Amino acid sequence: MPNVLDDIVEDVIEREGGAMVTNRPNDPGGRTQYGISERSNPKAWLDGKVTEQEAKEIYISKYVIWPRFHQIPATHQRLQAQMIDYGVHSGPQLAIQKLQAILNTEVDGIIGPQTLLAIRGCDPRILNNRLVIERVKMIGRVVQKNPGQLSDLGGFLNRALSFIF
């Protein structure tokens, strides 16, 4: 794995709160450490905690390799970082679908040759920032449907907006 992906995963872990264990009532994932929820990753929680190495392996497997975010061209590194973060926060398939809608490609939730070609044909800054806008709109819809998440709105928005460049 190239070093840039290590850096992206470390940034995600930091945004997710690092080693601190949380168990917030509004978080459907239940107990979380390094951003790894017990509900989505029960094996990592078998001994009652998640190690940083386990977290990194989960992020690489589920949020980099499986959704093929590692194939996003180096010329679009900021987009790659945002897609990994968006995938962690909202699910890789949703992140891909939002990107594909922006690219006007088939919205199938798979990073394949068509999607990669469309990415290469776009200005990195414009494409990345358009995705930020879509994330912000989605966050608004999510909080509107689930007002219990209103207390997290500022954090959600700051997270998405941190990818603007």
Protein backbone atom coordinates (compact mmCIF):
# COMPACT_ATOMS: atom_id res chain seq x y z
CA MET A 1 0.00 0.00 0.00
CA PRO A 2 1.45 3.38 -0.96
CA ASN A 3 2.33 5.72 1.90
CA VAL A 4 -0.36 8.21 0.87
CA LEU A 5 -3.05 5.66 1.74
CA ASP A 6 -1.46 5.12 5.16
CA ASP A 7 -1.69 8.87 5.72
CA ILE A 8 -5.32 8.98 4.57
CA VAL A 9 -6.26 6.12 6.92
CA GLU A 10 -4.45 7.78 9.83
CA ASP A 11 -6.37 11.00 9.12
CA VAL A 12 -9.65 9.04 9.15
CA ILE A 13 -8.74 7.45 12.48
CA GLU A 14 -8.01 10.89 13.92
CA ARG A 15 -11.36 12.27 12.65
CA GLU A 16 -13.08 9.22 14.12
CA GLY A 17 -11.74 9.98 17.59
CA GLY A 18 -8.69 7.72 17.79
CA ALA A 19 -8.35 5.28 20.67
CA MET A 20 -11.20 6.78 22.68
CA VAL A 21 -14.10 4.35 23.13
CA THR A 22 -17.50 5.91 22.59
CA ASN A 23 -21.00 4.54 22.98
CA ARG A 24 -23.32 7.38 22.10
CA PRO A 25 -27.11 6.83 22.15
CA ASN A 26 -27.56 8.44 18.70
CA ASP A 27 -24.84 6.30 17.10
CA PRO A 28 -26.44 3.24 15.51
CA GLY A 29 -23.03 1.51 15.41
CA GLY A 30 -22.90 1.09 19.17
CA ARG A 31 -19.49 1.02 20.84
CA THR A 32 -16.83 2.56 18.65
CA GLN A 33 -13.05 2.79 18.89
CA TYR A 34 -10.77 4.19 16.18
CA GLY A 35 -14.03 4.65 14.27
CA ILE A 36 -14.62 0.89 14.19
CA SER A 37 -18.15 0.16 15.36
CA GLU A 38 -19.10 -2.98 17.21
CA ARG A 39 -22.22 -3.43 15.10
CA SER A 40 -20.36 -3.39 11.77
CA ASN A 41 -17.19 -5.12 12.96
CA PRO A 42 -18.10 -7.55 15.76
CA LYS A 43 -14.96 -9.69 15.30
CA ALA A 44 -12.73 -6.72 16.07
CA TRP A 45 -14.60 -6.29 19.37
CA LEU A 46 -14.43 -9.92 20.55
CA ASP A 47 -11.85 -9.07 23.23
CA GLY A 48 -13.71 -5.88 24.25
CA LYS A 49 -11.48 -3.41 22.43
CA VAL A 50 -10.08 -2.59 19.00
CA THR A 51 -6.37 -2.10 18.39
CA GLU A 52 -5.09 0.59 16.09
CA GLN A 53 -3.61 -2.11 13.83
CA GLU A 54 -6.99 -3.88 13.61
CA ALA A 55 -8.61 -0.58 12.74
CA LYS A 56 -6.10 0.15 9.99
CA GLU A 57 -6.58 -3.31 8.51
CA ILE A 58 -10.36 -2.87 8.51
CA TYR A 59 -10.11 0.53 6.86
CA ILE A 60 -7.75 -0.73 4.17
CA SER A 61 -9.86 -3.82 3.48
CA LYS A 62 -13.38 -2.34 3.69
CA TYR A 63 -12.86 1.28 2.74
CA VAL A 64 -9.87 1.32 0.36
CA ILE A 65 -9.36 -2.02 -1.43
CA TRP A 66 -12.90 -3.43 -1.58
CA PRO A 67 -14.47 -0.25 -3.04
CA ARG A 68 -11.37 0.24 -5.25
CA PHE A 69 -10.65 3.73 -3.95
CA HIS A 70 -6.94 2.89 -4.25
CA GLN A 71 -7.46 2.96 -8.04
CA ILE A 72 -8.47 6.63 -8.09
CA PRO A 73 -5.69 8.39 -10.02
CA ALA A 74 -2.91 10.13 -8.09
CA THR A 75 -3.89 13.35 -9.88
CA HIS A 76 -7.09 13.19 -7.83
CA GLN A 77 -5.52 12.50 -4.42
CA ARG A 78 -7.85 14.87 -2.56
CA LEU A 79 -10.85 13.11 -4.12
CA GLN A 80 -9.37 9.76 -3.11
CA ALA A 81 -9.04 10.92 0.50
CA GLN A 82 -12.58 12.27 0.47
CA MET A 83 -14.01 9.07 -1.04
CA ILE A 84 -12.35 6.97 1.67
CA ASP A 85 -13.66 9.32 4.38
CA TYR A 86 -17.12 9.49 2.79
CA GLY A 87 -17.16 5.69 2.55
CA VAL A 88 -16.30 5.38 6.24
CA HIS A 89 -18.92 7.92 7.22
CA SER A 90 -21.79 6.90 4.91
CA GLY A 91 -20.82 3.63 3.26
CA PRO A 92 -18.59 3.11 0.22
CA GLN A 93 -21.42 2.27 -2.15
CA LEU A 94 -23.29 5.50 -1.39
CA ALA A 95 -20.09 7.52 -1.81
CA ILE A 96 -19.49 5.89 -5.19
CA GLN A 97 -23.07 6.45 -6.31
CA LYS A 98 -22.89 10.15 -5.42
CA LEU A 99 -19.62 10.46 -7.34
CA GLN A 100 -21.04 8.61 -10.36
CA ALA A 101 -24.09 10.89 -10.42
CA ILE A 102 -21.78 13.92 -10.54
CA LEU A 103 -19.75 12.28 -13.31
CA ASN A 104 -22.89 11.41 -15.31
CA THR A 105 -21.81 7.79 -15.55
CA GLU A 106 -23.84 4.69 -14.81
CA VAL A 107 -24.76 4.82 -11.12
CA ASP A 108 -23.97 1.26 -10.11
CA GLY A 109 -21.93 1.83 -6.95
CA ILE A 110 -18.82 0.24 -8.46
CA ILE A 111 -15.52 1.97 -9.24
CA GLY A 112 -14.85 0.45 -12.63
CA PRO A 113 -13.24 1.50 -15.92
CA GLN A 114 -16.01 3.96 -16.87
CA THR A 115 -15.92 5.72 -13.54
CA LEU A 116 -12.11 5.89 -13.53
CA LEU A 117 -12.07 7.26 -17.09
CA ALA A 118 -14.63 9.90 -16.15
CA ILE A 119 -12.58 10.88 -13.09
CA ARG A 120 -9.46 11.29 -15.24
CA GLY A 121 -11.40 13.60 -17.56
CA CYS A 122 -12.37 16.01 -14.78
CA ASP A 123 -10.57 18.88 -13.16
CA PRO A 124 -9.53 17.47 -9.74
CA ARG A 125 -10.53 20.58 -7.80
CA ILE A 126 -13.94 20.99 -9.41
CA LEU A 127 -14.86 17.31 -9.09
CA ASN A 128 -13.74 17.11 -5.48
CA ASN A 129 -15.60 20.26 -4.48
CA ARG A 130 -18.78 19.14 -6.25
CA LEU A 131 -18.66 15.99 -4.15
CA VAL A 132 -18.28 18.09 -1.00
CA ILE A 133 -21.44 19.97 -1.99
CA GLU A 134 -23.34 16.70 -2.47
CA ARG A 135 -22.14 15.45 0.92
CA VAL A 136 -23.34 18.63 2.62
CA LYS A 137 -26.77 18.34 0.97
CA MET A 138 -27.01 14.70 2.01
CA ILE A 139 -26.06 15.55 5.60
CA GLY A 140 -28.86 18.11 5.65
CA ARG A 141 -31.37 15.51 4.46
CA VAL A 142 -30.16 12.92 6.99
CA VAL A 143 -30.45 15.33 9.92
CA GLN A 144 -33.84 16.55 8.70
CA LYS A 145 -35.12 12.96 8.68
CA ASN A 146 -33.49 12.15 12.03
CA PRO A 147 -33.52 15.26 14.25
CA GLY A 148 -31.79 13.25 16.98
CA GLN A 149 -28.60 13.76 14.98
CA LEU A 150 -28.90 17.55 15.12
CA SER A 151 -26.30 17.64 17.89
CA ASP A 152 -23.82 16.06 15.44
CA LEU A 153 -24.62 18.42 12.55
CA GLY A 154 -21.67 20.75 13.15
CA GLY A 155 -19.22 17.86 13.24
CA PHE A 156 -20.70 16.24 10.14
CA LEU A 157 -20.50 19.52 8.22
CA ASN A 158 -16.97 20.32 9.40
CA ARG A 159 -15.87 16.86 8.33
CA ALA A 160 -17.31 17.21 4.82
CA LEU A 161 -16.16 20.80 4.39
CA SER A 162 -12.60 19.93 5.43
CA PHE A 163 -12.17 18.42 1.95
CA ILE A 164 -12.80 21.64 0.04
CA PHE A 165 -9.78 22.93 -1.86
